[in-house]
ModelCIF file with pLDDT and N, C-alpha, C, O atoms, coordinates in Angstrom:
data_MODEL
#
_entry.id   MODEL 
#
_entity.id                         1 
_entity.type                       polymer 
_entity.pdbx_number_of_molecules   1 
#
_entity_poly.entity_id                      1 
_entity_poly.type                           'polypeptide(L)' 
_entity_poly.nstd_linkage                   no 
_entity_poly.nstd_monomer                   no 
_entity_poly.pdbx_seq_one_letter_code       ELDGGEQGKIVKMMARAAILETFDGRWVVVP 
_entity_poly.pdbx_seq_one_letter_code_can   ELDGGEQGKIVKMMARAAILETFDGRWVVVP 
_entity_poly.pdbx_strand_id                 A 
#
loop_
_entity_poly_seq.entity_id 
_entity_poly_seq.num 
_entity_poly_seq.mon_id 
_entity_poly_seq.hetero 
1 1  GLU n 
1 2  LEU n 
1 3  ASP n 
1 4  GLY n 
1 5  GLY n 
1 6  GLU n 
1 7  GLN n 
1 8  GLY n 
1 9  LYS n 
1 10 ILE n 
1 11 VAL n 
1 12 LYS n 
1 13 MET n 
1 14 MET n 
1 15 ALA n 
1 16 ARG n 
1 17 ALA n 
1 18 ALA n 
1 19 ILE n 
1 20 LEU n 
1 21 GLU n 
1 22 THR n 
1 23 PHE n 
1 24 ASP n 
1 25 GLY n 
1 26 ARG n 
1 27 TRP n 
1 28 VAL n 
1 29 VAL n 
1 30 VAL n 
1 31 PRO n 
#
_struct_asym.id          A 
_struct_asym.entity_id   1 
#
loop_
_ma_qa_metric.id 
_ma_qa_metric.mode 
_ma_qa_metric.name 
_ma_qa_metric.software_group_id 
_ma_qa_metric.type 
1 global pLDDT . pLDDT 
2 local  pLDDT . pLDDT 
#
_ma_qa_metric_global.metric_id      1 
_ma_qa_metric_global.metric_value   82.23 
_ma_qa_metric_global.model_id       1 
_ma_qa_metric_global.ordinal_id     1 
#
loop_
_ma_qa_metric_local.label_asym_id 
_ma_qa_metric_local.label_comp_id 
_ma_qa_metric_local.label_seq_id 
_ma_qa_metric_local.metric_id 
_ma_qa_metric_local.metric_value 
_ma_qa_metric_local.model_id 
_ma_qa_metric_local.ordinal_id 
A GLU 1  2 84.00 1 1  
A LEU 2  2 82.00 1 2  
A ASP 3  2 81.00 1 3  
A GLY 4  2 77.00 1 4  
A GLY 5  2 77.00 1 5  
A GLU 6  2 79.00 1 6  
A GLN 7  2 79.00 1 7  
A GLY 8  2 84.00 1 8  
A LYS 9  2 83.00 1 9  
A ILE 10 2 86.00 1 10 
A VAL 11 2 84.00 1 11 
A LYS 12 2 83.00 1 12 
A MET 13 2 81.00 1 13 
A MET 14 2 78.00 1 14 
A ALA 15 2 73.00 1 15 
A ARG 16 2 79.00 1 16 
A ALA 17 2 85.00 1 17 
A ALA 18 2 86.00 1 18 
A ILE 19 2 87.00 1 19 
A LEU 20 2 88.00 1 20 
A GLU 21 2 85.00 1 21 
A THR 22 2 81.00 1 22 
A PHE 23 2 75.00 1 23 
A ASP 24 2 76.00 1 24 
A GLY 25 2 78.00 1 25 
A ARG 26 2 84.00 1 26 
A TRP 27 2 87.00 1 27 
A VAL 28 2 87.00 1 28 
A VAL 29 2 87.00 1 29 
A VAL 30 2 86.00 1 30 
A PRO 31 2 87.00 1 31 
#
loop_
_atom_site.group_PDB 
_atom_site.id 
_atom_site.type_symbol 
_atom_site.label_atom_id 
_atom_site.label_alt_id 
_atom_site.label_comp_id 
_atom_site.label_asym_id 
_atom_site.label_entity_id 
_atom_site.label_seq_id 
_atom_site.pdbx_PDB_ins_code 
_atom_site.Cartn_x 
_atom_site.Cartn_y 
_atom_site.Cartn_z 
_atom_site.occupancy 
_atom_site.B_iso_or_equiv 
_atom_site.pdbx_formal_charge 
_atom_site.auth_seq_id 
_atom_site.auth_comp_id 
_atom_site.auth_asym_id 
_atom_site.auth_atom_id 
_atom_site.pdbx_PDB_model_num 
ATOM 1   N N  . GLU A 1 1  ? -10.185 156.545 -54.807 1.00 84.00 ? 1  GLU A N  1 
ATOM 2   C CA . GLU A 1 1  ? -9.374  156.627 -52.834 1.00 84.00 ? 1  GLU A CA 1 
ATOM 3   C C  . GLU A 1 1  ? -10.492 157.897 -52.913 1.00 84.00 ? 1  GLU A C  1 
ATOM 4   O O  . GLU A 1 1  ? -10.686 158.728 -53.800 1.00 84.00 ? 1  GLU A O  1 
ATOM 5   N N  . LEU A 1 2  ? -11.379 157.609 -51.125 1.00 82.00 ? 2  LEU A N  1 
ATOM 6   C CA . LEU A 1 2  ? -12.162 158.056 -50.559 1.00 82.00 ? 2  LEU A CA 1 
ATOM 7   C C  . LEU A 1 2  ? -11.546 159.621 -49.837 1.00 82.00 ? 2  LEU A C  1 
ATOM 8   O O  . LEU A 1 2  ? -10.332 159.548 -49.644 1.00 82.00 ? 2  LEU A O  1 
ATOM 9   N N  . ASP A 1 3  ? -11.846 160.282 -49.634 1.00 81.00 ? 3  ASP A N  1 
ATOM 10  C CA . ASP A 1 3  ? -11.388 161.085 -48.532 1.00 81.00 ? 3  ASP A CA 1 
ATOM 11  C C  . ASP A 1 3  ? -11.454 161.051 -47.855 1.00 81.00 ? 3  ASP A C  1 
ATOM 12  O O  . ASP A 1 3  ? -11.613 162.117 -47.260 1.00 81.00 ? 3  ASP A O  1 
ATOM 13  N N  . GLY A 1 4  ? -11.423 160.020 -47.227 1.00 77.00 ? 4  GLY A N  1 
ATOM 14  C CA . GLY A 1 4  ? -10.873 159.412 -45.639 1.00 77.00 ? 4  GLY A CA 1 
ATOM 15  C C  . GLY A 1 4  ? -9.389  159.408 -45.672 1.00 77.00 ? 4  GLY A C  1 
ATOM 16  O O  . GLY A 1 4  ? -8.699  159.699 -44.696 1.00 77.00 ? 4  GLY A O  1 
ATOM 17  N N  . GLY A 1 5  ? -8.774  158.955 -47.215 1.00 77.00 ? 5  GLY A N  1 
ATOM 18  C CA . GLY A 1 5  ? -7.585  158.343 -47.312 1.00 77.00 ? 5  GLY A CA 1 
ATOM 19  C C  . GLY A 1 5  ? -7.880  156.840 -47.788 1.00 77.00 ? 5  GLY A C  1 
ATOM 20  O O  . GLY A 1 5  ? -7.243  156.269 -48.673 1.00 77.00 ? 5  GLY A O  1 
ATOM 21  N N  . GLU A 1 6  ? -8.930  156.297 -47.072 1.00 79.00 ? 6  GLU A N  1 
ATOM 22  C CA . GLU A 1 6  ? -9.496  154.867 -48.335 1.00 79.00 ? 6  GLU A CA 1 
ATOM 23  C C  . GLU A 1 6  ? -8.220  154.356 -49.247 1.00 79.00 ? 6  GLU A C  1 
ATOM 24  O O  . GLU A 1 6  ? -7.174  154.870 -48.851 1.00 79.00 ? 6  GLU A O  1 
ATOM 25  N N  . GLN A 1 7  ? -8.111  153.790 -49.965 1.00 79.00 ? 7  GLN A N  1 
ATOM 26  C CA . GLN A 1 7  ? -8.242  153.585 -51.492 1.00 79.00 ? 7  GLN A CA 1 
ATOM 27  C C  . GLN A 1 7  ? -7.470  152.469 -51.949 1.00 79.00 ? 7  GLN A C  1 
ATOM 28  O O  . GLN A 1 7  ? -6.307  152.243 -51.616 1.00 79.00 ? 7  GLN A O  1 
ATOM 29  N N  . GLY A 1 8  ? -8.400  151.554 -52.987 1.00 84.00 ? 8  GLY A N  1 
ATOM 30  C CA . GLY A 1 8  ? -7.948  150.634 -53.373 1.00 84.00 ? 8  GLY A CA 1 
ATOM 31  C C  . GLY A 1 8  ? -8.889  149.781 -54.158 1.00 84.00 ? 8  GLY A C  1 
ATOM 32  O O  . GLY A 1 8  ? -10.089 150.043 -54.072 1.00 84.00 ? 8  GLY A O  1 
ATOM 33  N N  . LYS A 1 9  ? -8.599  149.057 -54.712 1.00 83.00 ? 9  LYS A N  1 
ATOM 34  C CA . LYS A 1 9  ? -9.403  148.442 -56.152 1.00 83.00 ? 9  LYS A CA 1 
ATOM 35  C C  . LYS A 1 9  ? -10.689 147.593 -55.043 1.00 83.00 ? 9  LYS A C  1 
ATOM 36  O O  . LYS A 1 9  ? -10.653 146.871 -54.047 1.00 83.00 ? 9  LYS A O  1 
ATOM 37  N N  . ILE A 1 10 ? -11.860 148.266 -56.025 1.00 86.00 ? 10 ILE A N  1 
ATOM 38  C CA . ILE A 1 10 ? -13.382 147.299 -55.183 1.00 86.00 ? 10 ILE A CA 1 
ATOM 39  C C  . ILE A 1 10 ? -13.519 146.156 -55.767 1.00 86.00 ? 10 ILE A C  1 
ATOM 40  O O  . ILE A 1 10 ? -13.684 146.150 -56.987 1.00 86.00 ? 10 ILE A O  1 
ATOM 41  N N  . VAL A 1 11 ? -13.490 145.167 -55.177 1.00 84.00 ? 11 VAL A N  1 
ATOM 42  C CA . VAL A 1 11 ? -13.724 143.711 -55.465 1.00 84.00 ? 11 VAL A CA 1 
ATOM 43  C C  . VAL A 1 11 ? -14.995 143.333 -54.778 1.00 84.00 ? 11 VAL A C  1 
ATOM 44  O O  . VAL A 1 11 ? -15.394 142.177 -54.917 1.00 84.00 ? 11 VAL A O  1 
ATOM 45  N N  . LYS A 1 12 ? -15.772 144.298 -53.950 1.00 83.00 ? 12 LYS A N  1 
ATOM 46  C CA . LYS A 1 12 ? -16.790 143.349 -53.628 1.00 83.00 ? 12 LYS A CA 1 
ATOM 47  C C  . LYS A 1 12 ? -18.034 144.564 -53.279 1.00 83.00 ? 12 LYS A C  1 
ATOM 48  O O  . LYS A 1 12 ? -17.696 145.544 -52.614 1.00 83.00 ? 12 LYS A O  1 
ATOM 49  N N  . MET A 1 13 ? -19.054 144.473 -53.623 1.00 81.00 ? 13 MET A N  1 
ATOM 50  C CA . MET A 1 13 ? -20.387 145.321 -53.368 1.00 81.00 ? 13 MET A CA 1 
ATOM 51  C C  . MET A 1 13 ? -21.253 144.738 -52.620 1.00 81.00 ? 13 MET A C  1 
ATOM 52  O O  . MET A 1 13 ? -21.901 143.987 -53.348 1.00 81.00 ? 13 MET A O  1 
ATOM 53  N N  . MET A 1 14 ? -21.654 144.672 -51.441 1.00 78.00 ? 14 MET A N  1 
ATOM 54  C CA . MET A 1 14 ? -22.824 144.300 -50.589 1.00 78.00 ? 14 MET A CA 1 
ATOM 55  C C  . MET A 1 14 ? -23.532 145.264 -49.959 1.00 78.00 ? 14 MET A C  1 
ATOM 56  O O  . MET A 1 14 ? -23.388 146.485 -49.892 1.00 78.00 ? 14 MET A O  1 
ATOM 57  N N  . ALA A 1 15 ? -24.456 144.383 -49.431 1.00 73.00 ? 15 ALA A N  1 
ATOM 58  C CA . ALA A 1 15 ? -26.378 145.809 -49.296 1.00 73.00 ? 15 ALA A CA 1 
ATOM 59  C C  . ALA A 1 15 ? -25.188 146.475 -48.228 1.00 73.00 ? 15 ALA A C  1 
ATOM 60  O O  . ALA A 1 15 ? -25.147 147.625 -48.665 1.00 73.00 ? 15 ALA A O  1 
ATOM 61  N N  . ARG A 1 16 ? -24.341 146.438 -47.252 1.00 79.00 ? 16 ARG A N  1 
ATOM 62  C CA . ARG A 1 16 ? -23.922 147.445 -46.426 1.00 79.00 ? 16 ARG A CA 1 
ATOM 63  C C  . ARG A 1 16 ? -22.815 148.292 -47.035 1.00 79.00 ? 16 ARG A C  1 
ATOM 64  O O  . ARG A 1 16 ? -22.942 149.494 -47.266 1.00 79.00 ? 16 ARG A O  1 
ATOM 65  N N  . ALA A 1 17 ? -21.642 147.530 -47.294 1.00 85.00 ? 17 ALA A N  1 
ATOM 66  C CA . ALA A 1 17 ? -20.289 148.392 -47.344 1.00 85.00 ? 17 ALA A CA 1 
ATOM 67  C C  . ALA A 1 17 ? -20.132 147.771 -49.044 1.00 85.00 ? 17 ALA A C  1 
ATOM 68  O O  . ALA A 1 17 ? -20.902 147.087 -49.719 1.00 85.00 ? 17 ALA A O  1 
ATOM 69  N N  . ALA A 1 18 ? -18.623 148.425 -49.375 1.00 86.00 ? 18 ALA A N  1 
ATOM 70  C CA . ALA A 1 18 ? -18.428 147.926 -50.057 1.00 86.00 ? 18 ALA A CA 1 
ATOM 71  C C  . ALA A 1 18 ? -16.569 147.199 -49.867 1.00 86.00 ? 18 ALA A C  1 
ATOM 72  O O  . ALA A 1 18 ? -15.836 147.970 -49.247 1.00 86.00 ? 18 ALA A O  1 
ATOM 73  N N  . ILE A 1 19 ? -15.990 146.068 -50.274 1.00 87.00 ? 19 ILE A N  1 
ATOM 74  C CA . ILE A 1 19 ? -14.695 145.754 -49.885 1.00 87.00 ? 19 ILE A CA 1 
ATOM 75  C C  . ILE A 1 19 ? -13.101 145.789 -51.284 1.00 87.00 ? 19 ILE A C  1 
ATOM 76  O O  . ILE A 1 19 ? -12.829 145.082 -52.255 1.00 87.00 ? 19 ILE A O  1 
ATOM 77  N N  . LEU A 1 20 ? -12.333 147.195 -50.529 1.00 88.00 ? 20 LEU A N  1 
ATOM 78  C CA . LEU A 1 20 ? -11.452 147.217 -51.239 1.00 88.00 ? 20 LEU A CA 1 
ATOM 79  C C  . LEU A 1 20 ? -10.559 146.787 -51.072 1.00 88.00 ? 20 LEU A C  1 
ATOM 80  O O  . LEU A 1 20 ? -10.305 146.568 -49.887 1.00 88.00 ? 20 LEU A O  1 
ATOM 81  N N  . GLU A 1 21 ? -9.307  146.310 -52.308 1.00 85.00 ? 21 GLU A N  1 
ATOM 82  C CA . GLU A 1 21 ? -8.290  145.680 -51.947 1.00 85.00 ? 21 GLU A CA 1 
ATOM 83  C C  . GLU A 1 21 ? -7.003  146.635 -52.304 1.00 85.00 ? 21 GLU A C  1 
ATOM 84  O O  . GLU A 1 21 ? -6.716  147.014 -53.440 1.00 85.00 ? 21 GLU A O  1 
ATOM 85  N N  . THR A 1 22 ? -6.280  146.950 -51.083 1.00 81.00 ? 22 THR A N  1 
ATOM 86  C CA . THR A 1 22 ? -4.675  147.499 -51.580 1.00 81.00 ? 22 THR A CA 1 
ATOM 87  C C  . THR A 1 22 ? -4.254  146.597 -52.498 1.00 81.00 ? 22 THR A C  1 
ATOM 88  O O  . THR A 1 22 ? -4.724  145.605 -53.056 1.00 81.00 ? 22 THR A O  1 
ATOM 89  N N  . PHE A 1 23 ? -3.016  147.344 -52.504 1.00 75.00 ? 23 PHE A N  1 
ATOM 90  C CA . PHE A 1 23 ? -1.913  146.410 -53.431 1.00 75.00 ? 23 PHE A CA 1 
ATOM 91  C C  . PHE A 1 23 ? -0.855  145.961 -52.477 1.00 75.00 ? 23 PHE A C  1 
ATOM 92  O O  . PHE A 1 23 ? -0.082  145.108 -52.912 1.00 75.00 ? 23 PHE A O  1 
ATOM 93  N N  . ASP A 1 24 ? -0.662  146.436 -51.098 1.00 76.00 ? 24 ASP A N  1 
ATOM 94  C CA . ASP A 1 24 ? -0.384  145.530 -50.157 1.00 76.00 ? 24 ASP A CA 1 
ATOM 95  C C  . ASP A 1 24 ? -1.421  143.848 -49.991 1.00 76.00 ? 24 ASP A C  1 
ATOM 96  O O  . ASP A 1 24 ? -0.981  143.209 -49.035 1.00 76.00 ? 24 ASP A O  1 
ATOM 97  N N  . GLY A 1 25 ? -2.173  143.384 -50.443 1.00 78.00 ? 25 GLY A N  1 
ATOM 98  C CA . GLY A 1 25 ? -3.632  142.307 -50.360 1.00 78.00 ? 25 GLY A CA 1 
ATOM 99  C C  . GLY A 1 25 ? -4.479  142.605 -48.732 1.00 78.00 ? 25 GLY A C  1 
ATOM 100 O O  . GLY A 1 25 ? -4.842  141.769 -47.904 1.00 78.00 ? 25 GLY A O  1 
ATOM 101 N N  . ARG A 1 26 ? -4.607  144.205 -48.696 1.00 84.00 ? 26 ARG A N  1 
ATOM 102 C CA . ARG A 1 26 ? -5.608  144.346 -47.547 1.00 84.00 ? 26 ARG A CA 1 
ATOM 103 C C  . ARG A 1 26 ? -6.662  144.865 -47.720 1.00 84.00 ? 26 ARG A C  1 
ATOM 104 O O  . ARG A 1 26 ? -6.684  146.082 -47.903 1.00 84.00 ? 26 ARG A O  1 
ATOM 105 N N  . TRP A 1 27 ? -7.785  144.165 -47.717 1.00 87.00 ? 27 TRP A N  1 
ATOM 106 C CA . TRP A 1 27 ? -8.981  144.389 -47.524 1.00 87.00 ? 27 TRP A CA 1 
ATOM 107 C C  . TRP A 1 27 ? -9.685  145.427 -46.626 1.00 87.00 ? 27 TRP A C  1 
ATOM 108 O O  . TRP A 1 27 ? -9.636  145.411 -45.396 1.00 87.00 ? 27 TRP A O  1 
ATOM 109 N N  . VAL A 1 28 ? -10.343 146.329 -47.373 1.00 87.00 ? 28 VAL A N  1 
ATOM 110 C CA . VAL A 1 28 ? -10.996 147.615 -46.608 1.00 87.00 ? 28 VAL A CA 1 
ATOM 111 C C  . VAL A 1 28 ? -12.354 147.685 -46.916 1.00 87.00 ? 28 VAL A C  1 
ATOM 112 O O  . VAL A 1 28 ? -13.009 147.969 -47.919 1.00 87.00 ? 28 VAL A O  1 
ATOM 113 N N  . VAL A 1 29 ? -12.604 147.329 -45.704 1.00 87.00 ? 29 VAL A N  1 
ATOM 114 C CA . VAL A 1 29 ? -14.358 147.569 -45.568 1.00 87.00 ? 29 VAL A CA 1 
ATOM 115 C C  . VAL A 1 29 ? -15.035 149.059 -45.566 1.00 87.00 ? 29 VAL A C  1 
ATOM 116 O O  . VAL A 1 29 ? -14.876 149.758 -44.565 1.00 87.00 ? 29 VAL A O  1 
ATOM 117 N N  . VAL A 1 30 ? -15.586 149.419 -46.379 1.00 86.00 ? 30 VAL A N  1 
ATOM 118 C CA . VAL A 1 30 ? -16.075 150.964 -46.710 1.00 86.00 ? 30 VAL A CA 1 
ATOM 119 C C  . VAL A 1 30 ? -17.364 150.825 -46.552 1.00 86.00 ? 30 VAL A C  1 
ATOM 120 O O  . VAL A 1 30 ? -17.952 149.915 -47.137 1.00 86.00 ? 30 VAL A O  1 
ATOM 121 N N  . PRO A 1 31 ? -18.121 151.838 -45.612 1.00 87.00 ? 31 PRO A N  1 
ATOM 122 C CA . PRO A 1 31 ? -19.730 151.298 -45.632 1.00 87.00 ? 31 PRO A CA 1 
ATOM 123 C C  . PRO A 1 31 ? -19.791 152.589 -46.978 1.00 87.00 ? 31 PRO A C  1 
ATOM 124 O O  . PRO A 1 31 ? -20.844 152.807 -47.577 1.00 87.00 ? 31 PRO A O  1 
#
């Protein structure tokens, strides 16, 4: 859970960002 409110399970870490998957199935791209 980030300070900005984004939370979820990290499913992928890329060169520019990480992808969080929430429990409702949405993907959140976090730099």
